[in-house]
N, C-alpha and C. Protein backbone atom coordinates (compact mmCIF):
# COMPACT_ATOMS: atom_id res chain seq x y z
N MET A 1 114.16 90.61 119.37
CA MET A 1 113.03 91.27 118.74
C MET A 1 112.95 92.71 119.25
N SER A 2 112.81 93.63 118.33
CA SER A 2 112.81 95.03 118.73
C SER A 2 111.38 95.53 118.95
N ARG A 3 111.27 96.52 119.80
CA ARG A 3 109.97 97.14 120.05
C ARG A 3 109.64 98.14 118.96
N GLN A 4 108.38 98.24 118.63
CA GLN A 4 107.94 99.23 117.65
C GLN A 4 108.00 100.61 118.27
N ARG A 5 108.41 101.57 117.45
CA ARG A 5 108.39 102.96 117.91
C ARG A 5 106.95 103.46 117.85
N SER A 6 106.65 104.42 118.68
CA SER A 6 105.31 105.02 118.67
C SER A 6 105.14 105.82 117.38
N MET A 7 103.90 106.03 116.99
CA MET A 7 103.62 106.83 115.79
C MET A 7 104.17 108.25 115.99
N GLU A 8 104.10 108.74 117.20
CA GLU A 8 104.64 110.07 117.50
C GLU A 8 106.14 110.12 117.22
N ALA A 9 106.86 109.09 117.62
CA ALA A 9 108.31 109.02 117.40
C ALA A 9 108.62 108.88 115.91
N ILE A 10 107.82 108.10 115.22
CA ILE A 10 108.01 107.91 113.77
C ILE A 10 107.81 109.24 113.05
N LEU A 11 106.74 109.96 113.39
CA LEU A 11 106.44 111.22 112.72
C LEU A 11 107.46 112.31 113.05
N ALA A 12 108.17 112.17 114.14
CA ALA A 12 109.19 113.15 114.52
C ALA A 12 110.56 112.79 113.95
N SER A 13 110.67 111.62 113.34
CA SER A 13 111.96 111.13 112.87
C SER A 13 112.20 111.51 111.41
N GLU A 14 113.46 111.80 111.10
CA GLU A 14 113.83 112.11 109.71
C GLU A 14 113.87 110.83 108.88
N TYR A 15 114.34 109.74 109.48
CA TYR A 15 114.46 108.46 108.79
C TYR A 15 113.54 107.43 109.41
N VAL A 16 113.03 106.52 108.57
CA VAL A 16 112.16 105.45 109.05
C VAL A 16 112.56 104.13 108.40
N SER A 17 112.10 103.05 108.99
CA SER A 17 112.34 101.72 108.45
C SER A 17 111.22 101.35 107.48
N ILE A 18 111.40 100.27 106.76
CA ILE A 18 110.36 99.84 105.82
C ILE A 18 109.09 99.44 106.58
N GLY A 19 109.26 98.86 107.76
CA GLY A 19 108.10 98.50 108.57
C GLY A 19 107.32 99.73 109.00
N GLU A 20 108.05 100.80 109.34
CA GLU A 20 107.38 102.04 109.72
C GLU A 20 106.69 102.68 108.53
N LEU A 21 107.28 102.52 107.33
CA LEU A 21 106.61 103.03 106.12
C LEU A 21 105.28 102.32 105.89
N THR A 22 105.21 101.03 106.22
CA THR A 22 103.93 100.32 106.05
C THR A 22 102.88 100.93 106.97
N ARG A 23 103.29 101.31 108.16
CA ARG A 23 102.34 101.93 109.11
C ARG A 23 101.91 103.31 108.63
N LEU A 24 102.83 104.06 108.02
CA LEU A 24 102.52 105.42 107.58
C LEU A 24 101.67 105.46 106.32
N THR A 25 101.82 104.46 105.44
CA THR A 25 101.17 104.52 104.13
C THR A 25 100.07 103.49 103.91
N GLY A 26 100.04 102.47 104.73
CA GLY A 26 99.06 101.40 104.53
C GLY A 26 99.46 100.43 103.43
N ALA A 27 100.64 100.64 102.86
CA ALA A 27 101.13 99.72 101.82
C ALA A 27 101.66 98.45 102.48
N ARG A 28 101.61 97.36 101.75
CA ARG A 28 102.10 96.09 102.29
C ARG A 28 103.63 96.08 102.31
N TYR A 29 104.19 95.38 103.28
CA TYR A 29 105.64 95.26 103.41
C TYR A 29 106.23 94.69 102.12
N SER A 30 105.62 93.64 101.59
CA SER A 30 106.15 93.00 100.37
C SER A 30 106.13 93.95 99.18
N THR A 31 105.13 94.82 99.13
CA THR A 31 105.04 95.80 98.04
C THR A 31 106.17 96.81 98.15
N LEU A 32 106.42 97.31 99.36
CA LEU A 32 107.49 98.28 99.55
C LEU A 32 108.86 97.65 99.31
N LYS A 33 109.01 96.40 99.69
CA LYS A 33 110.26 95.69 99.43
C LYS A 33 110.48 95.55 97.92
N PHE A 34 109.41 95.23 97.18
CA PHE A 34 109.49 95.12 95.72
C PHE A 34 109.88 96.47 95.12
N TYR A 35 109.21 97.54 95.54
CA TYR A 35 109.53 98.88 95.03
C TYR A 35 110.99 99.23 95.31
N THR A 36 111.49 98.86 96.49
CA THR A 36 112.88 99.11 96.83
C THR A 36 113.81 98.34 95.91
N GLU A 37 113.50 97.05 95.72
CA GLU A 37 114.35 96.21 94.87
C GLU A 37 114.32 96.65 93.41
N GLU A 38 113.23 97.27 92.99
CA GLU A 38 113.11 97.78 91.62
C GLU A 38 113.76 99.16 91.46
N GLY A 39 114.30 99.70 92.56
CA GLY A 39 114.97 100.99 92.51
C GLY A 39 114.03 102.18 92.55
N MET A 40 112.78 101.94 92.93
CA MET A 40 111.78 103.00 92.95
C MET A 40 111.79 103.78 94.27
N LEU A 41 112.28 103.16 95.34
CA LEU A 41 112.35 103.81 96.65
C LEU A 41 113.80 103.89 97.09
N PRO A 42 114.41 105.07 97.03
CA PRO A 42 115.80 105.21 97.47
C PRO A 42 115.92 105.06 98.99
N PHE A 43 117.06 104.54 99.42
CA PHE A 43 117.29 104.35 100.85
C PHE A 43 118.77 104.54 101.15
N GLU A 44 119.07 104.69 102.42
CA GLU A 44 120.44 104.69 102.91
C GLU A 44 120.59 103.43 103.75
N GLN A 45 121.80 102.89 103.79
CA GLN A 45 122.00 101.69 104.57
C GLN A 45 123.05 101.95 105.64
N ALA A 46 122.63 101.81 106.89
CA ALA A 46 123.55 101.98 108.01
C ALA A 46 124.46 100.76 108.08
N GLU A 47 125.75 100.98 108.10
CA GLU A 47 126.70 99.87 108.04
C GLU A 47 126.67 98.95 109.24
N GLU A 48 126.42 99.50 110.42
CA GLU A 48 126.55 98.67 111.61
C GLU A 48 125.55 97.52 111.66
N ASN A 49 124.33 97.70 111.19
CA ASN A 49 123.37 96.59 111.24
C ASN A 49 122.69 96.36 109.88
N LEU A 50 123.17 97.03 108.85
CA LEU A 50 122.67 96.87 107.48
C LEU A 50 121.19 97.17 107.32
N THR A 51 120.64 97.96 108.23
CA THR A 51 119.23 98.35 108.15
C THR A 51 119.05 99.43 107.10
N ARG A 52 118.06 99.23 106.25
CA ARG A 52 117.74 100.25 105.25
C ARG A 52 116.94 101.35 105.93
N ARG A 53 117.36 102.60 105.70
CA ARG A 53 116.65 103.75 106.26
C ARG A 53 116.14 104.60 105.10
N TYR A 54 114.91 105.05 105.23
CA TYR A 54 114.27 105.85 104.19
C TYR A 54 113.98 107.24 104.75
N LEU A 55 114.22 108.28 103.95
CA LEU A 55 113.83 109.62 104.35
C LEU A 55 112.31 109.65 104.45
N ARG A 56 111.79 109.92 105.63
CA ARG A 56 110.35 109.76 105.88
C ARG A 56 109.48 110.58 104.94
N GLU A 57 109.62 111.89 104.93
CA GLU A 57 108.69 112.72 104.16
C GLU A 57 108.75 112.44 102.67
N ALA A 58 109.95 112.41 102.11
CA ALA A 58 110.10 112.21 100.66
C ALA A 58 109.61 110.83 100.25
N THR A 59 109.88 109.82 101.06
CA THR A 59 109.50 108.46 100.69
C THR A 59 107.99 108.26 100.80
N VAL A 60 107.36 108.83 101.82
CA VAL A 60 105.91 108.72 101.95
C VAL A 60 105.24 109.38 100.74
N GLU A 61 105.72 110.56 100.35
CA GLU A 61 105.17 111.23 99.17
C GLU A 61 105.34 110.37 97.93
N LEU A 62 106.51 109.77 97.79
CA LEU A 62 106.81 108.93 96.64
C LEU A 62 105.89 107.70 96.59
N ILE A 63 105.65 107.09 97.74
CA ILE A 63 104.77 105.91 97.79
C ILE A 63 103.36 106.30 97.36
N PHE A 64 102.86 107.43 97.84
CA PHE A 64 101.52 107.86 97.44
C PHE A 64 101.48 108.19 95.95
N ARG A 65 102.57 108.73 95.43
CA ARG A 65 102.65 109.01 93.99
C ARG A 65 102.61 107.71 93.19
N ILE A 66 103.36 106.72 93.62
CA ILE A 66 103.36 105.41 92.95
C ILE A 66 101.96 104.80 93.01
N LYS A 67 101.31 104.88 94.18
CA LYS A 67 99.95 104.34 94.32
C LYS A 67 99.00 105.02 93.33
N GLN A 68 99.13 106.35 93.17
CA GLN A 68 98.26 107.08 92.24
C GLN A 68 98.53 106.66 90.80
N LEU A 69 99.79 106.54 90.43
CA LEU A 69 100.13 106.11 89.06
C LEU A 69 99.60 104.71 88.80
N LYS A 70 99.70 103.85 89.80
CA LYS A 70 99.18 102.49 89.67
C LYS A 70 97.66 102.51 89.52
N ALA A 71 97.00 103.36 90.29
CA ALA A 71 95.53 103.50 90.20
C ALA A 71 95.12 104.05 88.84
N ASP A 72 96.00 104.85 88.23
CA ASP A 72 95.74 105.38 86.89
C ASP A 72 95.95 104.34 85.80
N GLY A 73 96.39 103.14 86.19
CA GLY A 73 96.51 102.04 85.24
C GLY A 73 97.89 101.84 84.65
N LEU A 74 98.89 102.54 85.18
CA LEU A 74 100.24 102.37 84.64
C LEU A 74 100.86 101.07 85.15
N SER A 75 101.69 100.47 84.30
CA SER A 75 102.43 99.26 84.68
C SER A 75 103.68 99.68 85.46
N ILE A 76 104.35 98.73 86.07
CA ILE A 76 105.57 99.03 86.83
C ILE A 76 106.61 99.70 85.93
N PRO A 77 106.90 99.17 84.72
CA PRO A 77 107.87 99.87 83.86
C PRO A 77 107.42 101.30 83.52
N GLN A 78 106.13 101.50 83.32
CA GLN A 78 105.63 102.85 83.02
C GLN A 78 105.76 103.76 84.24
N ILE A 79 105.51 103.22 85.42
CA ILE A 79 105.65 104.00 86.66
C ILE A 79 107.11 104.39 86.85
N LYS A 80 108.02 103.44 86.63
CA LYS A 80 109.44 103.74 86.77
C LYS A 80 109.85 104.85 85.82
N GLU A 81 109.36 104.81 84.61
CA GLU A 81 109.66 105.84 83.61
C GLU A 81 109.08 107.19 84.05
N ALA A 82 107.84 107.18 84.54
CA ALA A 82 107.20 108.41 84.99
C ALA A 82 107.98 109.02 86.16
N LEU A 83 108.45 108.19 87.08
CA LEU A 83 109.22 108.69 88.21
C LEU A 83 110.55 109.28 87.75
N LYS A 84 111.17 108.63 86.78
CA LYS A 84 112.44 109.11 86.24
C LYS A 84 112.26 110.47 85.56
N GLU A 85 111.13 110.63 84.86
CA GLU A 85 110.85 111.87 84.15
C GLU A 85 110.31 112.96 85.09
N GLY A 86 109.97 112.57 86.31
CA GLY A 86 109.46 113.53 87.27
C GLY A 86 107.99 113.87 87.10
N ARG A 87 107.24 112.98 86.44
CA ARG A 87 105.80 113.22 86.23
C ARG A 87 105.02 112.87 87.47
């Protein structure tokens, strides 16, 4: 079992894990996993341990954008389309 990084370490890091994204955004782990599986959250995968790494700043912004689109009443397919179009 690994130790959690401090919030200070997370905020200083270029890449974060999905668990750290939950701490940064307040989104549920299962929600972020779903968004990842739907291709809405891009990630890099380190080969040595197959851990998905997300660019911290861009991904946090994207999660808040998805949350706003969802709050505006868009469905997942509509959100995916809006993200693709850059809205």
